[in-house]
Structures are given as structure tokens and as C-alpha cells.
Amino acid sequence: MYVCVCAAVTDRQIREVASQCAGGDFRTLCRNLGIAQQCGKCAAAARLLVGGDREAAGTPAPALGLG
């Protein structure tokens, strides 16, 4: 699913780069992918993606209000 429409970046791309840059900060991830640089609406969803798999840990992720 597209997370950042402005930069055409998907959730897979965000997870892949986050896993390769373990320990990197969110700003670096944004800079590397070009996300959250224009309108910024993708920032919250991207943060959730790099925050780990909350559902697997037993904590459901908060609703993004997309529906």
C-alpha cells in the first residue's frame, strides 16, 4: 500500500529500508526515502510502520482514520 503518495513510497519500501538501517533515526529514514518532505501526511503512518509489528506483540496499532 502507498504510504507516501508525494514520493510514491510503499509500506514495503519503508519496512525494507528500516530493517536495513536498524538503529537509524526516523529523520534519516525520511531523508533516504524522500517521505514526509512535502505535505507530511504520511509521517504518522510511516512512524507506525518502523515502530515494529504491534499486532504481533499483542498491542493493536491505533486506527489511522483512513476509512
N, C-alpha and C. Protein backbone atom coordinates (compact mmCIF):
# COMPACT_ATOMS: atom_id res chain seq x y z
N MET A 1 0.84 -1.16 0.00
CA MET A 1 0.00 0.00 0.00
C MET A 1 0.90 1.24 0.00
N TYR A 2 0.47 2.25 -0.75
CA TYR A 2 1.22 3.50 -0.76
C TYR A 2 1.01 4.24 0.55
N VAL A 3 2.10 4.60 1.17
CA VAL A 3 2.06 5.37 2.40
C VAL A 3 2.31 6.85 2.08
N CYS A 4 3.27 7.09 1.21
CA CYS A 4 3.60 8.46 0.79
C CYS A 4 3.27 8.60 -0.69
N VAL A 5 2.20 9.29 -0.95
CA VAL A 5 1.78 9.49 -2.33
C VAL A 5 2.71 10.48 -3.03
N CYS A 6 3.16 11.49 -2.31
CA CYS A 6 4.03 12.52 -2.89
C CYS A 6 5.31 11.92 -3.48
N ALA A 7 5.89 10.95 -2.77
CA ALA A 7 7.15 10.33 -3.19
C ALA A 7 6.94 8.93 -3.76
N ALA A 8 5.69 8.48 -3.84
CA ALA A 8 5.35 7.15 -4.35
C ALA A 8 6.12 6.05 -3.61
N VAL A 9 6.03 6.07 -2.27
CA VAL A 9 6.73 5.10 -1.42
C VAL A 9 5.69 4.21 -0.74
N THR A 10 5.95 2.90 -0.79
CA THR A 10 5.02 1.93 -0.21
C THR A 10 5.45 1.50 1.18
N ASP A 11 4.53 0.81 1.86
CA ASP A 11 4.85 0.27 3.18
C ASP A 11 5.99 -0.73 3.12
N ARG A 12 6.05 -1.51 2.06
CA ARG A 12 7.16 -2.48 1.91
C ARG A 12 8.51 -1.78 1.83
N GLN A 13 8.55 -0.70 1.06
CA GLN A 13 9.81 0.04 0.94
C GLN A 13 10.24 0.62 2.27
N ILE A 14 9.29 1.15 3.03
CA ILE A 14 9.61 1.72 4.34
C ILE A 14 10.13 0.65 5.27
N ARG A 15 9.45 -0.50 5.32
CA ARG A 15 9.90 -1.59 6.20
C ARG A 15 11.28 -2.11 5.79
N GLU A 16 11.50 -2.22 4.48
CA GLU A 16 12.78 -2.73 3.98
C GLU A 16 13.93 -1.81 4.38
N VAL A 17 13.77 -0.53 4.14
CA VAL A 17 14.83 0.42 4.48
C VAL A 17 15.02 0.49 5.99
N ALA A 18 13.93 0.45 6.75
CA ALA A 18 14.03 0.48 8.21
C ALA A 18 14.78 -0.74 8.73
N SER A 19 14.55 -1.90 8.13
CA SER A 19 15.25 -3.11 8.60
C SER A 19 16.73 -3.08 8.23
N GLN A 20 17.07 -2.45 7.13
CA GLN A 20 18.47 -2.34 6.72
C GLN A 20 19.23 -1.32 7.55
N CYS A 21 18.50 -0.34 8.05
CA CYS A 21 19.12 0.74 8.83
C CYS A 21 18.76 0.62 10.30
N ALA A 22 18.79 -0.57 10.82
CA ALA A 22 18.42 -0.77 12.23
C ALA A 22 19.24 0.16 13.12
N GLY A 23 18.54 0.84 13.99
CA GLY A 23 19.21 1.78 14.87
C GLY A 23 19.25 3.20 14.32
N GLY A 24 18.87 3.36 13.06
CA GLY A 24 18.83 4.70 12.48
C GLY A 24 17.63 5.48 12.97
N ASP A 25 17.69 6.78 12.89
CA ASP A 25 16.57 7.57 13.36
C ASP A 25 15.55 7.80 12.25
N PHE A 26 14.39 8.28 12.64
CA PHE A 26 13.28 8.46 11.71
C PHE A 26 13.59 9.54 10.67
N ARG A 27 14.29 10.57 11.05
CA ARG A 27 14.65 11.63 10.09
C ARG A 27 15.52 11.09 8.97
N THR A 28 16.46 10.23 9.32
CA THR A 28 17.33 9.64 8.30
C THR A 28 16.52 8.78 7.34
N LEU A 29 15.60 7.99 7.88
CA LEU A 29 14.72 7.17 7.04
C LEU A 29 13.93 8.05 6.08
N CYS A 30 13.37 9.12 6.60
CA CYS A 30 12.60 10.05 5.76
C CYS A 30 13.46 10.65 4.66
N ARG A 31 14.65 11.05 5.01
CA ARG A 31 15.55 11.64 4.04
C ARG A 31 15.94 10.63 2.96
N ASN A 32 16.23 9.40 3.37
CA ASN A 32 16.64 8.36 2.42
C ASN A 32 15.54 8.00 1.44
N LEU A 33 14.30 7.99 1.91
CA LEU A 33 13.18 7.61 1.06
C LEU A 33 12.46 8.81 0.43
N GLY A 34 12.70 9.99 0.95
CA GLY A 34 12.02 11.18 0.44
C GLY A 34 10.60 11.32 0.97
N ILE A 35 10.30 10.64 2.08
CA ILE A 35 8.95 10.73 2.64
C ILE A 35 8.89 11.85 3.67
N ALA A 36 7.67 12.33 3.94
CA ALA A 36 7.41 13.39 4.91
C ALA A 36 8.20 14.65 4.59
N GLN A 37 8.46 14.88 3.32
CA GLN A 37 9.22 16.04 2.89
C GLN A 37 8.34 17.12 2.27
N GLN A 38 7.16 16.72 1.81
CA GLN A 38 6.29 17.68 1.13
C GLN A 38 5.07 17.99 1.99
N CYS A 39 4.00 17.24 1.84
CA CYS A 39 2.78 17.55 2.60
C CYS A 39 2.85 17.04 4.03
N GLY A 40 3.63 15.97 4.29
CA GLY A 40 3.82 15.45 5.64
C GLY A 40 2.72 14.54 6.16
N LYS A 41 1.70 14.29 5.36
CA LYS A 41 0.58 13.47 5.83
C LYS A 41 0.96 12.01 6.05
N CYS A 42 2.06 11.57 5.50
CA CYS A 42 2.48 10.17 5.63
C CYS A 42 3.29 9.91 6.90
N ALA A 43 3.72 10.94 7.57
CA ALA A 43 4.65 10.78 8.69
C ALA A 43 4.12 9.86 9.78
N ALA A 44 2.88 10.02 10.18
CA ALA A 44 2.32 9.20 11.26
C ALA A 44 2.27 7.73 10.87
N ALA A 45 1.82 7.44 9.65
CA ALA A 45 1.74 6.05 9.19
C ALA A 45 3.14 5.45 9.07
N ALA A 46 4.09 6.22 8.59
CA ALA A 46 5.46 5.72 8.46
C ALA A 46 6.06 5.43 9.83
N ARG A 47 5.78 6.28 10.80
CA ARG A 47 6.29 6.03 12.16
C ARG A 47 5.72 4.73 12.72
N LEU A 48 4.45 4.47 12.46
CA LEU A 48 3.86 3.22 12.92
C LEU A 48 4.54 2.02 12.28
N LEU A 49 4.86 2.13 11.00
CA LEU A 49 5.50 1.02 10.30
C LEU A 49 6.89 0.71 10.86
N VAL A 50 7.65 1.72 11.16
CA VAL A 50 9.01 1.48 11.66
C VAL A 50 9.03 1.22 13.15
N GLY A 51 7.88 1.43 13.82
CA GLY A 51 7.81 1.20 15.25
C GLY A 51 7.71 -0.26 15.62
N GLY A 52 7.64 -1.13 14.66
CA GLY A 52 7.54 -2.56 14.93
C GLY A 52 6.15 -3.09 14.67
N ASP A 53 6.02 -4.37 14.74
CA ASP A 53 4.74 -5.02 14.49
C ASP A 53 3.98 -5.12 15.80
N ARG A 54 3.16 -4.14 16.09
CA ARG A 54 2.45 -4.08 17.37
C ARG A 54 1.42 -5.19 17.51
N GLU A 55 0.77 -5.57 16.42
CA GLU A 55 -0.24 -6.62 16.50
C GLU A 55 0.40 -7.95 16.88
N ALA A 56 1.60 -8.20 16.37
CA ALA A 56 2.28 -9.45 16.71
C ALA A 56 2.67 -9.46 18.19
N ALA A 57 2.88 -8.27 18.74
CA ALA A 57 3.25 -8.18 20.16
C ALA A 57 2.03 -8.17 21.06
N GLY A 58 0.84 -8.20 20.47
CA GLY A 58 -0.37 -8.23 21.26
C GLY A 58 -1.00 -6.87 21.50
N THR A 59 -0.40 -5.83 20.94
CA THR A 59 -0.95 -4.48 21.08
C THR A 59 -1.42 -4.00 19.72
N PRO A 60 -2.71 -3.83 19.53
CA PRO A 60 -3.17 -3.39 18.22
C PRO A 60 -2.69 -1.99 17.89
N ALA A 61 -2.38 -1.76 16.63
CA ALA A 61 -1.96 -0.45 16.18
C ALA A 61 -3.15 0.50 16.19
N PRO A 62 -2.93 1.75 16.51
CA PRO A 62 -4.05 2.70 16.51
C PRO A 62 -4.60 2.90 15.09
N ALA A 63 -5.89 3.21 15.02
CA ALA A 63 -6.52 3.45 13.73
C ALA A 63 -5.95 4.71 13.11
N LEU A 64 -5.77 4.68 11.81
CA LEU A 64 -5.21 5.82 11.11
C LEU A 64 -6.27 6.77 10.59
N GLY A 65 -7.53 6.40 10.73
CA GLY A 65 -8.61 7.26 10.26
C GLY A 65 -8.68 7.38 8.76
N LEU A 66 -8.34 6.30 8.06
CA LEU A 66 -8.33 6.33 6.60
C LEU A 66 -9.65 5.86 6.01
N GLY A 67 -10.55 5.35 6.80
CA GLY A 67 -11.75 4.76 6.26
C GLY A 67 -12.91 5.55 6.44
